[in-house]
C-alpha atoms as a PDB file:
ATOM      1  CA  MET A   1       5.653  29.516  25.439  1.00  0.00           C
ATOM      2  CA  SER A   2       6.946  30.790  22.066  1.00  0.00           C
ATOM      3  CA  ALA A   3       5.567  29.693  18.763  1.00  0.00           C
ATOM      4  CA  LEU A   4       8.852  27.884  17.893  1.00  0.00           C
ATOM      5  CA  THR A   5       8.600  25.780  21.066  1.00  0.00           C
ATOM      6  CA  ARG A   6       5.007  25.234  20.691  1.00  0.00           C
ATOM      7  CA  PHE A   7       5.787  23.983  17.102  1.00  0.00           C
ATOM      8  CA  LEU A   8       8.611  21.730  18.055  1.00  0.00           C
ATOM      9  CA  GLY A   9       7.025  20.435  21.274  1.00  0.00           C
ATOM     10  CA  ASP A  10       9.993  21.203  23.377  1.00  0.00           C
ATOM     11  CA  SER A  11      12.703  23.671  23.577  1.00  0.00           C
ATOM     12  CA  PRO A  12      14.831  23.886  20.401  1.00  0.00           C
ATOM     13  CA  LEU A  13      18.024  22.769  22.088  1.00  0.00           C
ATOM     14  CA  ARG A  14      16.322  19.645  23.512  1.00  0.00           C
ATOM     15  CA  VAL A  15      14.708  18.824  20.324  1.00  0.00           C
ATOM     16  CA  PHE A  16      18.157  19.245  18.476  1.00  0.00           C
ATOM     17  CA  LEU A  17      19.718  16.822  21.044  1.00  0.00           C
ATOM     18  CA  LYS A  18      16.972  14.204  20.776  1.00  0.00           C
ATOM     19  CA  LEU A  19      17.129  14.311  16.910  1.00  0.00           C
ATOM     20  CA  LEU A  20      20.989  14.013  17.128  1.00  0.00           C
ATOM     21  CA  VAL A  21      20.894  10.900  19.361  1.00  0.00           C
ATOM     22  CA  ILE A  22      18.103   9.253  17.106  1.00  0.00           C
ATOM     23  CA  SER A  23      20.101   9.929  13.958  1.00  0.00           C
ATOM     24  CA  PHE A  24      23.160   8.396  15.406  1.00  0.00           C
ATOM     25  CA  LEU A  25      21.177   5.335  16.336  1.00  0.00           C
ATOM     26  CA  VAL A  26      19.490   4.984  13.098  1.00  0.00           C
ATOM     27  CA  GLY A  27      22.698   5.599  11.338  1.00  0.00           C
ATOM     28  CA  LEU A  28      24.387   2.942  13.297  1.00  0.00           C
ATOM     29  CA  VAL A  29      21.652   0.351  12.610  1.00  0.00           C
ATOM     30  CA  MET A  30      21.759   1.291   8.899  1.00  0.00           C
ATOM     31  CA  HIS A  31      25.401   0.926   8.690  1.00  0.00           C
ATOM     32  CA  ALA A  32      25.143  -2.482  10.432  1.00  0.00           C
ATOM     33  CA  PHE A  33      22.649  -3.719   7.748  1.00  0.00           C
ATOM     34  CA  GLY A  34      24.666  -2.174   4.886  1.00  0.00           C
ATOM     35  CA  TRP A  35      21.713   0.010   4.040  1.00  0.00           C
ATOM     36  CA  SER A  36      21.925   3.521   2.514  1.00  0.00           C
ATOM     37  CA  PRO A  37      19.017   6.058   2.402  1.00  0.00           C
ATOM     38  CA  MET A  38      18.410   5.269  -1.223  1.00  0.00           C
ATOM     39  CA  ASP A  39      17.965   1.517  -0.356  1.00  0.00           C
ATOM     40  CA  VAL A  40      15.396   2.580   2.154  1.00  0.00           C
ATOM     41  CA  PHE A  41      13.501   4.771  -0.392  1.00  0.00           C
ATOM     42  CA  TYR A  42      13.793   2.129  -2.950  1.00  0.00           C
ATOM     43  CA  GLY A  43      12.335  -0.511  -0.700  1.00  0.00           C
ATOM     44  CA  ILE A  44       9.451   1.729   0.303  1.00  0.00           C
ATOM     45  CA  ARG A  45       8.839   2.431  -3.414  1.00  0.00           C
ATOM     46  CA  GLN A  46       9.097  -1.144  -4.399  1.00  0.00           C
ATOM     47  CA  PHE A  47       6.556  -2.129  -1.511  1.00  0.00           C
ATOM     48  CA  PHE A  48       3.981   0.287  -2.871  1.00  0.00           C
ATOM     49  CA  ILE A  49       4.536  -0.899  -6.369  1.00  0.00           C
ATOM     50  CA  ASP A  50       4.201  -4.541  -5.447  1.00  0.00           C
ATOM     51  CA  LEU A  51       1.037  -3.564  -3.329  1.00  0.00           C
ATOM     52  CA  TRP A  52      -0.393  -1.866  -6.463  1.00  0.00           C
ATOM     53  CA  ASN A  53       0.394  -4.757  -8.631  1.00  0.00           C
ATOM     54  CA  LEU A  54      -1.169  -7.230  -6.218  1.00  0.00           C
ATOM     55  CA  GLY A  55      -4.232  -5.448  -5.896  1.00  0.00           C
ATOM     56  CA  PHE A  56      -4.748  -5.110  -9.707  1.00  0.00           C
ATOM     57  CA  ARG A  57      -3.974  -8.957  -9.991  1.00  0.00           C
ATOM     58  CA  ALA A  58      -6.523  -9.670  -7.505  1.00  0.00           C
ATOM     59  CA  ILE A  59      -9.207  -7.488  -9.418  1.00  0.00           C
ATOM     60  CA  ASP A  60      -8.081  -9.333 -12.558  1.00  0.00           C
ATOM     61  CA  ARG A  61      -8.595 -12.750 -10.909  1.00  0.00           C
ATOM     62  CA  PHE A  62     -11.991 -11.514  -9.525  1.00  0.00           C
ATOM     63  CA  LEU A  63     -13.219 -10.249 -12.858  1.00  0.00           C
ATOM     64  CA  GLY A  64     -11.926 -13.591 -14.525  1.00  0.00           C
ATOM     65  CA  TYR A  65     -14.070 -15.647 -12.255  1.00  0.00           C
ATOM     66  CA  ILE A  66     -17.149 -13.356 -12.964  1.00  0.00           C
ATOM     67  CA  LEU A  67     -16.577 -13.743 -16.690  1.00  0.00           C
ATOM     68  CA  LEU A  68     -16.178 -17.435 -16.299  1.00  0.00           C
ATOM     69  CA  GLY A  69     -19.379 -17.757 -14.491  1.00  0.00           C
ATOM     70  CA  ALA A  70     -21.226 -15.413 -16.677  1.00  0.00           C
ATOM     71  CA  ALA A  71     -20.392 -17.731 -19.671  1.00  0.00           C
ATOM     72  CA  ILE A  72     -22.662 -20.285 -18.205  1.00  0.00           C
ATOM     73  CA  VAL A  73     -25.172 -18.062 -16.139  1.00  0.00           C
ATOM     74  CA  VAL A  74     -26.181 -15.615 -19.087  1.00  0.00           C
ATOM     75  CA  PRO A  75     -27.149 -18.177 -21.612  1.00  0.00           C
ATOM     76  CA  VAL A  76     -28.911 -20.193 -19.133  1.00  0.00           C
ATOM     77  CA  PHE A  77     -30.805 -17.104 -17.887  1.00  0.00           C
ATOM     78  CA  VAL A  78     -31.708 -16.044 -21.501  1.00  0.00           C
ATOM     79  CA  LEU A  79     -32.986 -19.634 -22.174  1.00  0.00           C
ATOM     80  CA  LEU A  80     -35.118 -19.722 -19.048  1.00  0.00           C
ATOM     81  CA  ARG A  81     -36.414 -16.331 -19.915  1.00  0.00           C
ATOM     82  CA  ILE A  82     -37.284 -17.550 -23.521  1.00  0.00           C
ATOM     83  CA  ALA A  83     -38.859 -20.797 -22.131  1.00  0.00           C
ATOM     84  CA  SER A  84     -40.945 -18.798 -19.637  1.00  0.00           C
ATOM     85  CA  TYR A  85     -42.072 -16.167 -22.288  1.00  0.00           C
ATOM     86  CA  ARG A  86     -43.663 -19.045 -24.358  1.00  0.00           C
ATOM     87  CA  LYS A  87     -46.060 -20.114 -21.691  1.00  0.00           C
END
């Protein structure tokens, strides 16, 4: 078994034929939907941008809840500590 065959997982001719058939089928489907390769890359890029923004919006919302709760909890904690210090 040659290094090239080992790398490709099959003989170069069989790999070429498999890639040719798969490329034809993918091209046929993309043409049917009116997609171009740039549309696919843009869609993938936009997916990760939306995922990134969604993650930071979730963190922003989470931190907002913490700050909202801290506006009540911290002053009450300080008042309770002051009240227990006097005893």
